C-alpha cells in the first residue's frame, strides 16, 4: 500500500471519528481536501453556535397627556399669579385653578371672558367660574367642570381684586 493510500485511509478514519463525535458533515459548513489526483475528502468545519438573541423589551407607547396648563399673569403690578390646568372630559373640561399672592382672607371672583389679556378690561363676560376667599397664605385653589365652549381659543380666565368684578389683577389666555 502506497503512502498516498495510507494517507487517504487515515483521513477517512479521522472523518469517521469526527462524524461520530456529533460534528456535522453538511456541505454548508465543511471544507474539501483533495490529494493530488486521488479521492476528495470533506473535513468538517466546527459549528459555532449562533448567539442567543437578547430578549426584546417592549415598552408601551406613552399615554398622550391632553392636559393644558395656562399661567395666570399678574396685572397692574399686583403680584397675583397662578395657573389654570385644563383637562378635557366627557362634558367639556375640568378647570383646576390655583391663584397665589392674594391678601389672606380676601374675597375674589374668577370669570371666563372672551378676549385677550392685553385688553382684559374690554373683554366680554361669559360666566362666573368661582367666588372664593383666599386662605391664610393668600391662595385660592378650586376645580370646576365647564362646557367645551368655555375652553375654545379666544377665552381668558380673569381674577378680580375683590368678590365684585371691578379691578382685574390676573389673567390667563386659554
N, C-alpha and C. Protein backbone atom coordinates (compact mmCIF):
# COMPACT_ATOMS: atom_id res chain seq x y z
N UNK A 1 0.85 -1.17 0.00
CA UNK A 1 0.00 0.00 0.00
C UNK A 1 0.90 1.23 0.00
N UNK A 2 0.55 2.17 -0.88
CA UNK A 2 1.39 3.33 -1.03
C UNK A 2 1.12 4.37 0.05
N UNK A 3 2.02 5.32 0.10
CA UNK A 3 1.92 6.37 1.10
C UNK A 3 0.64 7.17 0.91
N UNK A 4 0.26 7.42 -0.32
CA UNK A 4 -0.96 8.19 -0.58
C UNK A 4 -2.19 7.42 -0.16
N UNK A 5 -2.22 6.15 -0.39
CA UNK A 5 -3.37 5.34 0.00
C UNK A 5 -3.52 5.32 1.51
N UNK A 6 -2.41 5.20 2.23
CA UNK A 6 -2.47 5.21 3.69
C UNK A 6 -2.95 6.57 4.19
N UNK A 7 -2.52 7.63 3.56
CA UNK A 7 -2.95 8.96 3.96
C UNK A 7 -4.45 9.12 3.73
N UNK A 8 -4.93 8.60 2.61
CA UNK A 8 -6.35 8.69 2.29
C UNK A 8 -7.15 7.89 3.29
N UNK A 9 -6.69 6.70 3.66
CA UNK A 9 -7.40 5.87 4.63
C UNK A 9 -7.41 6.56 5.99
N UNK A 10 -6.29 7.14 6.41
CA UNK A 10 -6.22 7.84 7.70
C UNK A 10 -7.17 9.03 7.73
N UNK A 11 -7.23 9.74 6.63
CA UNK A 11 -8.14 10.88 6.56
C UNK A 11 -9.58 10.41 6.65
N UNK A 12 -9.88 9.30 5.98
CA UNK A 12 -11.23 8.75 6.04
C UNK A 12 -11.60 8.33 7.44
N UNK A 13 -10.66 7.68 8.15
CA UNK A 13 -10.91 7.27 9.53
C UNK A 13 -11.09 8.49 10.43
N UNK A 14 -10.27 9.49 10.23
CA UNK A 14 -10.39 10.70 11.05
C UNK A 14 -11.75 11.35 10.85
N UNK A 15 -12.20 11.37 9.62
CA UNK A 15 -13.51 11.94 9.33
C UNK A 15 -14.61 11.12 9.98
N UNK A 16 -14.48 9.81 9.95
CA UNK A 16 -15.49 8.95 10.57
C UNK A 16 -15.53 9.19 12.07
N UNK A 17 -14.38 9.36 12.69
CA UNK A 17 -14.32 9.61 14.13
C UNK A 17 -14.98 10.94 14.44
N UNK A 18 -14.65 11.96 13.68
CA UNK A 18 -15.24 13.27 13.92
C UNK A 18 -16.76 13.25 13.71
N UNK A 19 -17.21 12.53 12.69
CA UNK A 19 -18.65 12.44 12.44
C UNK A 19 -19.33 11.74 13.60
N UNK A 20 -18.68 10.77 14.18
CA UNK A 20 -19.25 10.06 15.32
C UNK A 20 -19.29 10.92 16.57
N UNK A 21 -18.52 11.99 16.63
CA UNK A 21 -18.50 12.86 17.80
C UNK A 21 -19.55 13.95 17.72
N UNK A 22 -20.44 13.85 16.73
CA UNK A 22 -21.53 14.83 16.66
C UNK A 22 -21.22 16.00 15.76
N UNK A 23 -20.09 15.98 15.06
CA UNK A 23 -19.79 17.07 14.15
C UNK A 23 -20.63 16.91 12.89
N UNK A 24 -21.16 17.98 12.39
CA UNK A 24 -21.99 17.96 11.19
C UNK A 24 -21.13 17.85 9.96
N UNK A 25 -21.63 17.15 8.96
CA UNK A 25 -20.90 16.99 7.72
C UNK A 25 -21.65 17.68 6.57
N UNK A 26 -22.47 18.64 6.87
CA UNK A 26 -23.23 19.29 5.81
C UNK A 26 -22.29 20.09 4.93
N UNK A 27 -22.71 20.26 3.68
CA UNK A 27 -21.85 20.94 2.72
C UNK A 27 -21.72 22.42 3.05
N UNK A 28 -22.66 22.98 3.81
CA UNK A 28 -22.62 24.40 4.08
C UNK A 28 -21.53 24.78 5.06
N UNK A 29 -21.08 23.82 5.87
CA UNK A 29 -20.07 24.19 6.84
C UNK A 29 -18.91 23.19 6.82
N UNK A 30 -18.46 22.86 5.65
CA UNK A 30 -17.33 21.94 5.56
C UNK A 30 -16.32 22.45 4.54
N UNK A 31 -15.13 21.90 4.63
CA UNK A 31 -14.08 22.26 3.68
C UNK A 31 -13.60 20.99 3.02
N UNK A 32 -13.32 21.03 1.72
CA UNK A 32 -12.89 19.83 1.00
C UNK A 32 -11.37 19.80 0.93
N UNK A 33 -10.85 18.59 1.10
CA UNK A 33 -9.42 18.38 0.96
C UNK A 33 -9.26 17.35 -0.14
N UNK A 34 -8.44 17.64 -1.10
CA UNK A 34 -8.22 16.69 -2.19
C UNK A 34 -6.73 16.47 -2.34
N UNK A 35 -6.37 15.21 -2.33
CA UNK A 35 -4.99 14.85 -2.56
C UNK A 35 -4.78 14.82 -4.05
N UNK A 36 -3.58 15.02 -4.48
CA UNK A 36 -3.28 15.13 -5.91
C UNK A 36 -3.82 13.95 -6.68
N UNK A 37 -4.86 14.20 -7.49
CA UNK A 37 -5.41 13.20 -8.37
C UNK A 37 -6.11 12.05 -7.68
N UNK A 38 -6.30 12.09 -6.40
CA UNK A 38 -6.93 10.97 -5.70
C UNK A 38 -8.31 11.39 -5.20
N UNK A 39 -8.88 10.63 -4.31
CA UNK A 39 -10.21 10.87 -3.77
C UNK A 39 -10.27 12.19 -3.01
N UNK A 40 -11.42 12.82 -3.05
CA UNK A 40 -11.62 14.05 -2.30
C UNK A 40 -12.33 13.72 -0.99
N UNK A 41 -11.79 14.23 0.09
CA UNK A 41 -12.40 14.03 1.40
C UNK A 41 -12.90 15.36 1.92
N UNK A 42 -13.99 15.31 2.64
CA UNK A 42 -14.55 16.51 3.22
C UNK A 42 -14.21 16.52 4.70
N UNK A 43 -13.60 17.62 5.15
CA UNK A 43 -13.31 17.73 6.57
C UNK A 43 -14.30 18.73 7.16
N UNK A 44 -14.83 18.39 8.29
CA UNK A 44 -15.86 19.28 8.87
C UNK A 44 -15.25 20.57 9.39
N UNK A 45 -16.03 21.64 9.25
CA UNK A 45 -15.70 22.91 9.86
C UNK A 45 -16.51 22.98 11.15
N UNK A 46 -15.86 23.22 12.28
CA UNK A 46 -16.61 23.23 13.54
C UNK A 46 -17.74 24.26 13.48
N UNK A 47 -18.90 23.87 14.00
CA UNK A 47 -20.04 24.77 14.05
C UNK A 47 -19.96 25.63 15.29
N UNK A 48 -20.10 26.91 15.09
CA UNK A 48 -20.14 27.83 16.21
C UNK A 48 -21.60 28.16 16.44
N UNK A 49 -22.08 27.91 17.67
CA UNK A 49 -23.50 28.19 17.91
C UNK A 49 -23.81 29.67 17.71
N UNK A 50 -24.97 29.93 17.12
CA UNK A 50 -25.40 31.31 16.93
C UNK A 50 -25.65 31.93 18.29
N UNK A 51 -25.29 33.21 18.43
CA UNK A 51 -25.56 33.84 19.72
C UNK A 51 -27.07 33.89 19.98
N UNK A 52 -27.43 33.65 21.21
CA UNK A 52 -28.83 33.72 21.59
C UNK A 52 -29.25 35.18 21.62
N UNK A 53 -30.29 35.52 20.87
CA UNK A 53 -30.70 36.93 20.88
C UNK A 53 -31.19 37.33 22.25
N UNK A 54 -30.83 38.55 22.63
CA UNK A 54 -31.30 39.03 23.93
C UNK A 54 -32.80 39.29 23.83
N UNK A 55 -33.51 39.11 24.92
CA UNK A 55 -34.96 39.32 24.86
C UNK A 55 -35.27 40.77 24.54
N UNK A 56 -36.30 40.96 23.75
CA UNK A 56 -36.72 42.29 23.38
C UNK A 56 -37.74 42.78 24.40
N UNK A 57 -37.45 43.93 24.96
CA UNK A 57 -38.37 44.53 25.93
C UNK A 57 -39.26 45.49 25.16
N UNK A 58 -40.54 45.26 25.21
CA UNK A 58 -41.49 46.12 24.51
C UNK A 58 -42.05 47.11 25.51
N UNK A 59 -41.80 48.38 25.25
CA UNK A 59 -42.32 49.44 26.10
C UNK A 59 -43.56 50.00 25.45
N UNK A 60 -44.68 50.03 26.18
CA UNK A 60 -45.89 50.58 25.57
C UNK A 60 -45.70 52.06 25.27
N UNK A 61 -46.37 52.55 24.23
CA UNK A 61 -46.24 53.97 23.91
C UNK A 61 -46.80 54.81 25.05
N UNK A 62 -46.26 56.01 25.25
CA UNK A 62 -46.78 56.84 26.33
C UNK A 62 -48.23 57.23 26.07
N UNK A 63 -48.96 57.34 27.14
CA UNK A 63 -50.34 57.80 27.04
C UNK A 63 -50.30 59.30 26.78
N UNK A 64 -50.98 59.75 25.75
CA UNK A 64 -50.92 61.18 25.47
C UNK A 64 -51.52 61.98 26.62
N UNK A 65 -50.86 63.05 26.96
CA UNK A 65 -51.34 63.92 28.02
C UNK A 65 -52.10 65.05 27.35
N UNK A 66 -53.41 65.05 27.51
CA UNK A 66 -54.24 66.06 26.87
C UNK A 66 -54.44 67.29 27.73
N UNK A 67 -53.78 67.34 28.88
CA UNK A 67 -53.91 68.49 29.76
C UNK A 67 -53.18 69.69 29.15
N UNK A 68 -53.68 70.86 29.46
CA UNK A 68 -53.02 72.09 29.04
C UNK A 68 -52.94 73.01 30.25
N UNK A 69 -51.76 73.56 30.49
CA UNK A 69 -51.54 74.41 31.66
C UNK A 69 -51.32 75.84 31.19
N UNK A 70 -52.13 76.76 31.69
CA UNK A 70 -52.06 78.17 31.32
C UNK A 70 -51.70 78.99 32.55
N UNK A 71 -50.73 79.88 32.40
CA UNK A 71 -50.28 80.70 33.53
C UNK A 71 -51.16 81.93 33.72
N UNK A 72 -51.56 82.15 34.96
CA UNK A 72 -52.23 83.40 35.32
C UNK A 72 -51.12 84.43 35.53
N UNK A 73 -51.13 85.47 34.72
CA UNK A 73 -50.11 86.51 34.78
C UNK A 73 -50.61 87.69 35.60
N UNK A 74 -49.74 88.25 36.45
CA UNK A 74 -50.17 89.41 37.25
C UNK A 74 -50.40 90.64 36.36
N UNK A 75 -51.41 91.39 36.70
CA UNK A 75 -51.70 92.66 36.02
C UNK A 75 -51.56 93.79 37.05
N UNK A 76 -51.27 94.99 36.59
CA UNK A 76 -51.16 96.18 37.45
C UNK A 76 -50.13 96.02 38.56
N UNK A 77 -49.08 95.25 38.32
CA UNK A 77 -48.02 95.03 39.31
C UNK A 77 -48.54 94.52 40.65
N UNK A 78 -49.59 93.70 40.61
CA UNK A 78 -50.19 93.20 41.85
C UNK A 78 -49.43 92.01 42.42
N UNK A 79 -48.71 91.29 41.58
CA UNK A 79 -48.02 90.08 42.04
C UNK A 79 -48.94 88.88 42.14
N UNK A 80 -50.22 89.04 41.80
CA UNK A 80 -51.18 87.92 41.84
C UNK A 80 -50.94 87.07 40.60
N UNK A 81 -50.65 85.81 40.81
CA UNK A 81 -50.36 84.91 39.71
C UNK A 81 -50.89 83.52 40.05
N UNK A 82 -50.71 82.57 39.15
CA UNK A 82 -51.16 81.20 39.39
C UNK A 82 -51.23 80.43 38.09
N UNK A 83 -52.08 79.42 38.07
CA UNK A 83 -52.23 78.67 36.82
C UNK A 83 -53.62 78.08 36.71
N UNK A 84 -53.96 77.76 35.46
CA UNK A 84 -55.24 77.14 35.12
C UNK A 84 -54.89 75.87 34.36
N UNK A 85 -55.15 74.73 34.95
CA UNK A 85 -54.91 73.44 34.30
C UNK A 85 -56.24 72.99 33.69
N UNK A 86 -56.24 72.77 32.37
CA UNK A 86 -57.45 72.37 31.66
C UNK A 86 -57.31 70.90 31.29
N UNK A 87 -58.25 70.07 31.76
CA UNK A 87 -58.26 68.64 31.46
C UNK A 87 -59.56 68.30 30.76
N UNK A 88 -59.49 67.92 29.47
CA UNK A 88 -60.72 67.56 28.75
C UNK A 88 -61.44 66.39 29.42
N UNK A 89 -62.76 66.44 29.42
CA UNK A 89 -63.58 65.32 29.92
C UNK A 89 -64.82 65.19 29.04
N UNK A 90 -65.68 64.28 29.37
CA UNK A 90 -66.85 63.98 28.53
C UNK A 90 -67.77 65.19 28.35
N UNK A 91 -67.89 66.04 29.36
CA UNK A 91 -68.81 67.18 29.27
C UNK A 91 -68.16 68.44 28.74
N UNK A 92 -66.86 68.45 28.58
CA UNK A 92 -66.14 69.64 28.13
C UNK A 92 -64.74 69.62 28.68
N UNK A 93 -64.57 70.17 29.91
CA UNK A 93 -63.25 70.16 30.54
C UNK A 93 -63.38 70.44 32.03
N UNK A 94 -62.38 69.99 32.76
CA UNK A 94 -62.28 70.35 34.16
C UNK A 94 -61.19 71.41 34.26
N UNK A 95 -61.50 72.52 34.94
CA UNK A 95 -60.51 73.56 35.20
C UNK A 95 -60.04 73.41 36.64
N UNK A 96 -58.73 73.34 36.81
CA UNK A 96 -58.14 73.36 38.15
C UNK A 96 -57.41 74.70 38.24
N UNK A 97 -57.94 75.58 39.04
CA UNK A 97 -57.41 76.94 39.13
C UNK A 97 -56.72 77.12 40.47
N UNK A 98 -55.50 77.67 40.41
CA UNK A 98 -54.75 77.98 41.63
C UNK A 98 -54.25 79.41 41.48
N UNK A 99 -54.52 80.22 42.50
CA UNK A 99 -54.12 81.63 42.49
C UNK A 99 -53.27 81.89 43.73
N UNK A 100 -52.11 82.58 43.57
CA UNK A 100 -51.23 82.92 44.68
C UNK A 100 -51.05 84.43 44.74
N UNK A 101 -50.63 84.89 45.89
CA UNK A 101 -50.28 86.30 46.04
C UNK A 101 -51.44 87.20 46.42
N UNK A 102 -52.52 86.62 46.92
CA UNK A 102 -53.68 87.40 47.37
C UNK A 102 -53.52 87.77 48.85
N UNK A 103 -54.28 88.76 49.30
CA UNK A 103 -54.27 89.10 50.72
C UNK A 103 -55.04 88.00 51.47
N UNK A 104 -54.46 87.41 52.52
CA UNK A 104 -55.15 86.33 53.26
C UNK A 104 -56.55 86.77 53.69
N UNK A 105 -57.52 85.89 53.43
CA UNK A 105 -58.91 86.13 53.82
C UNK A 105 -59.69 87.02 52.86
N UNK A 106 -59.04 87.57 51.85
CA UNK A 106 -59.73 88.47 50.93
C UNK A 106 -60.59 87.68 49.94
N UNK A 107 -61.74 88.26 49.55
CA UNK A 107 -62.65 87.62 48.61
C UNK A 107 -62.34 88.01 47.17
N UNK A 108 -62.49 87.05 46.26
CA UNK A 108 -62.18 87.31 44.84
C UNK A 108 -63.15 86.53 43.96
N UNK A 109 -63.50 87.11 42.83
CA UNK A 109 -64.31 86.41 41.85
C UNK A 109 -63.44 86.10 40.63
N UNK A 110 -63.69 84.95 40.04
CA UNK A 110 -62.91 84.50 38.90
C UNK A 110 -63.88 84.21 37.76
N UNK A 111 -63.64 84.84 36.61
CA UNK A 111 -64.57 84.79 35.49
C UNK A 111 -63.94 84.19 34.24
N UNK A 112 -64.82 83.74 33.34
CA UNK A 112 -64.47 83.33 31.98
C UNK A 112 -64.94 84.45 31.07
N UNK A 113 -64.02 84.96 30.24
CA UNK A 113 -64.34 86.03 29.30
C UNK A 113 -63.86 85.67 27.91
N UNK A 114 -64.39 86.33 26.91
CA UNK A 114 -63.87 86.25 25.54
C UNK A 114 -63.07 87.52 25.32
N UNK A 115 -61.83 87.33 24.84
CA UNK A 115 -60.97 88.49 24.59
C UNK A 115 -59.51 88.11 24.75
N UNK A 116 -58.70 89.11 25.09
CA UNK A 116 -57.27 88.89 25.32
C UNK A 116 -56.88 89.49 26.66
N UNK A 117 -55.79 88.98 27.21
CA UNK A 117 -55.32 89.53 28.48
C UNK A 117 -54.83 90.97 28.30
N UNK A 118 -54.32 91.30 27.12
CA UNK A 118 -53.86 92.67 26.87
C UNK A 118 -55.02 93.67 26.92
N UNK A 119 -56.22 93.20 26.61
CA UNK A 119 -57.40 94.06 26.63
C UNK A 119 -58.47 93.45 27.54
N UNK A 120 -58.04 92.92 28.68
CA UNK A 120 -58.96 92.22 29.60
C UNK A 120 -60.09 93.13 30.08
N UNK A 121 -59.83 94.42 30.26
CA UNK A 121 -60.88 95.34 30.74
C UNK A 121 -62.00 95.52 29.74
N UNK A 122 -61.74 95.26 28.46
CA UNK A 122 -62.80 95.40 27.46
C UNK A 122 -63.28 94.03 26.95
N UNK A 123 -62.92 92.95 27.65
CA UNK A 123 -63.34 91.61 27.23
C UNK A 123 -64.82 91.39 27.56
N UNK A 124 -65.40 90.37 26.96
CA UNK A 124 -66.83 90.08 27.11
C UNK A 124 -67.02 89.00 28.17
N UNK A 125 -67.79 89.32 29.20
CA UNK A 125 -68.07 88.37 30.28
C UNK A 125 -68.93 87.22 29.75
N UNK A 126 -68.52 85.98 30.06
CA UNK A 126 -69.29 84.80 29.65
C UNK A 126 -69.87 84.06 30.85
N UNK A 127 -69.05 83.87 31.89
CA UNK A 127 -69.57 83.19 33.09
C UNK A 127 -68.68 83.45 34.29
N UNK A 128 -69.28 83.28 35.46
CA UNK A 128 -68.52 83.34 36.72
C UNK A 128 -68.09 81.91 37.03
N UNK A 129 -66.79 81.70 37.13
CA UNK A 129 -66.27 80.36 37.41
C UNK A 129 -66.30 80.07 38.91
N UNK A 130 -65.93 81.08 39.73
CA UNK A 130 -65.88 80.87 41.18
C UNK A 130 -65.79 82.21 41.89
N UNK A 131 -66.31 82.24 43.09
CA UNK A 131 -66.09 83.36 44.01
C UNK A 131 -65.67 82.74 45.32
N UNK A 132 -64.45 83.08 45.79
CA UNK A 132 -63.89 82.45 46.99
C UNK A 132 -63.08 83.45 47.79
N UNK A 133 -62.80 83.07 49.02
CA UNK A 133 -61.90 83.84 49.88
C UNK A 133 -60.54 83.15 49.89
N UNK A 134 -59.49 83.96 49.87
CA UNK A 134 -58.13 83.42 49.92
C UNK A 134 -57.89 82.79 51.29
N UNK A 135 -57.11 81.73 51.32
CA UNK A 135 -56.79 81.08 52.60
C UNK A 135 -55.77 81.92 53.38
N UNK A 136 -55.30 81.43 54.51
CA UNK A 136 -54.37 82.16 55.36
C UNK A 136 -53.04 82.47 54.70
N UNK A 137 -52.69 81.75 53.65
CA UNK A 137 -51.45 82.01 52.93
C UNK A 137 -51.67 82.90 51.71
N UNK A 138 -52.93 83.31 51.47
CA UNK A 138 -53.22 84.18 50.33
C UNK A 138 -53.42 83.42 49.02
N UNK A 139 -53.90 82.18 49.14
CA UNK A 139 -54.10 81.35 47.95
C UNK A 139 -55.56 80.96 47.80
N UNK A 140 -55.98 80.78 46.56
CA UNK A 140 -57.29 80.18 46.24
C UNK A 140 -57.00 79.02 45.32
N UNK A 141 -57.65 77.89 45.59
CA UNK A 141 -57.48 76.71 44.73
C UNK A 141 -58.82 76.00 44.64
N UNK A 142 -59.26 75.71 43.42
CA UNK A 142 -60.53 75.01 43.23
C UNK A 142 -60.54 74.31 41.88
N UNK A 143 -61.47 73.40 41.71
CA UNK A 143 -61.71 72.70 40.44
C UNK A 143 -63.17 72.84 40.08
N UNK A 144 -63.44 72.94 38.79
CA UNK A 144 -64.82 73.03 38.33
C UNK A 144 -64.91 72.49 36.91
N UNK A 145 -66.05 71.92 36.57
CA UNK A 145 -66.29 71.46 35.22
C UNK A 145 -66.94 72.59 34.42
N UNK A 146 -66.51 72.72 33.16
CA UNK A 146 -67.07 73.74 32.27
C UNK A 146 -67.40 73.09 30.93
N UNK A 147 -68.37 73.65 30.20
CA UNK A 147 -68.68 73.10 28.86
C UNK A 147 -67.51 73.37 27.91
N UNK A 148 -67.45 72.58 26.85
CA UNK A 148 -66.36 72.71 25.86
C UNK A 148 -66.26 74.13 25.30
N UNK A 149 -67.37 74.82 25.19
CA UNK A 149 -67.36 76.17 24.62
C UNK A 149 -66.54 77.15 25.47
N UNK A 150 -66.31 76.84 26.74
CA UNK A 150 -65.56 77.74 27.61
C UNK A 150 -64.05 77.53 27.55
N UNK A 151 -63.59 76.60 26.72
CA UNK A 151 -62.14 76.40 26.61
C UNK A 151 -61.66 76.59 25.17
N UNK A 152 -62.46 77.23 24.37
CA UNK A 152 -62.09 77.50 22.98
C UNK A 152 -61.05 78.62 22.93
N UNK A 153 -60.30 78.70 21.83
CA UNK A 153 -59.36 79.81 21.67
C UNK A 153 -60.09 81.14 21.77
N UNK A 154 -59.40 82.13 22.31
CA UNK A 154 -60.01 83.45 22.48
C UNK A 154 -60.67 83.61 23.83
N UNK A 155 -60.54 82.59 24.68
CA UNK A 155 -61.09 82.66 26.04
C UNK A 155 -60.00 83.07 27.00
N UNK A 156 -60.38 83.81 28.03
CA UNK A 156 -59.43 84.17 29.09
C UNK A 156 -60.09 83.90 30.44
N UNK A 157 -59.28 83.57 31.42
CA UNK A 157 -59.73 83.44 32.80
C UNK A 157 -59.15 84.64 33.54
N UNK A 158 -60.00 85.39 34.21
CA UNK A 158 -59.52 86.58 34.92
C UNK A 158 -59.85 86.49 36.40
N UNK A 159 -58.99 87.10 37.20
CA UNK A 159 -59.17 87.16 38.65
C UNK A 159 -59.37 88.62 39.01
N UNK A 160 -60.44 88.88 39.74
CA UNK A 160 -60.72 90.25 40.18
C UNK A 160 -60.14 90.49 41.57
N UNK A 161 -59.89 91.76 41.87
CA UNK A 161 -59.26 92.13 43.15
C UNK A 161 -60.17 91.92 44.35
N UNK A 162 -61.49 91.80 44.11
CA UNK A 162 -62.44 91.59 45.20
C UNK A 162 -63.51 90.59 44.72
N UNK A 163 -64.49 90.35 45.57
CA UNK A 163 -65.60 89.47 45.18
C UNK A 163 -66.51 90.15 44.17
N UNK A 164 -66.38 91.46 43.99
CA UNK A 164 -67.13 92.20 42.96
C UNK A 164 -66.23 92.36 41.74
N UNK A 165 -66.82 92.23 40.55
CA UNK A 165 -65.99 92.37 39.35
C UNK A 165 -65.65 93.84 39.08
N UNK A 166 -64.52 94.27 39.66
CA UNK A 166 -64.12 95.65 39.43
C UNK A 166 -62.72 95.73 38.81
N UNK A 167 -61.68 95.48 39.55
CA UNK A 167 -60.32 95.60 39.04
C UNK A 167 -59.74 94.21 38.77
N UNK A 168 -59.23 93.99 37.56
CA UNK A 168 -58.65 92.70 37.19
C UNK A 168 -57.19 92.69 37.64
N UNK A 169 -56.84 91.66 38.44
CA UNK A 169 -55.48 91.58 38.97
C UNK A 169 -54.63 90.49 38.35
N UNK A 170 -55.28 89.55 37.62
CA UNK A 170 -54.53 88.47 37.00
C UNK A 170 -55.34 87.91 35.82
N UNK A 171 -54.62 87.36 34.81
CA UNK A 171 -55.30 86.89 33.61
C UNK A 171 -54.52 85.73 32.99
N UNK A 172 -55.25 84.74 32.46
CA UNK A 172 -54.63 83.63 31.71
C UNK A 172 -55.38 83.49 30.39
N UNK A 173 -54.64 83.46 29.28
CA UNK A 173 -55.24 83.24 27.96
C UNK A 173 -55.28 81.74 27.70
N UNK A 174 -56.48 81.20 27.43
CA UNK A 174 -56.62 79.76 27.17
C UNK A 174 -56.40 79.45 25.72
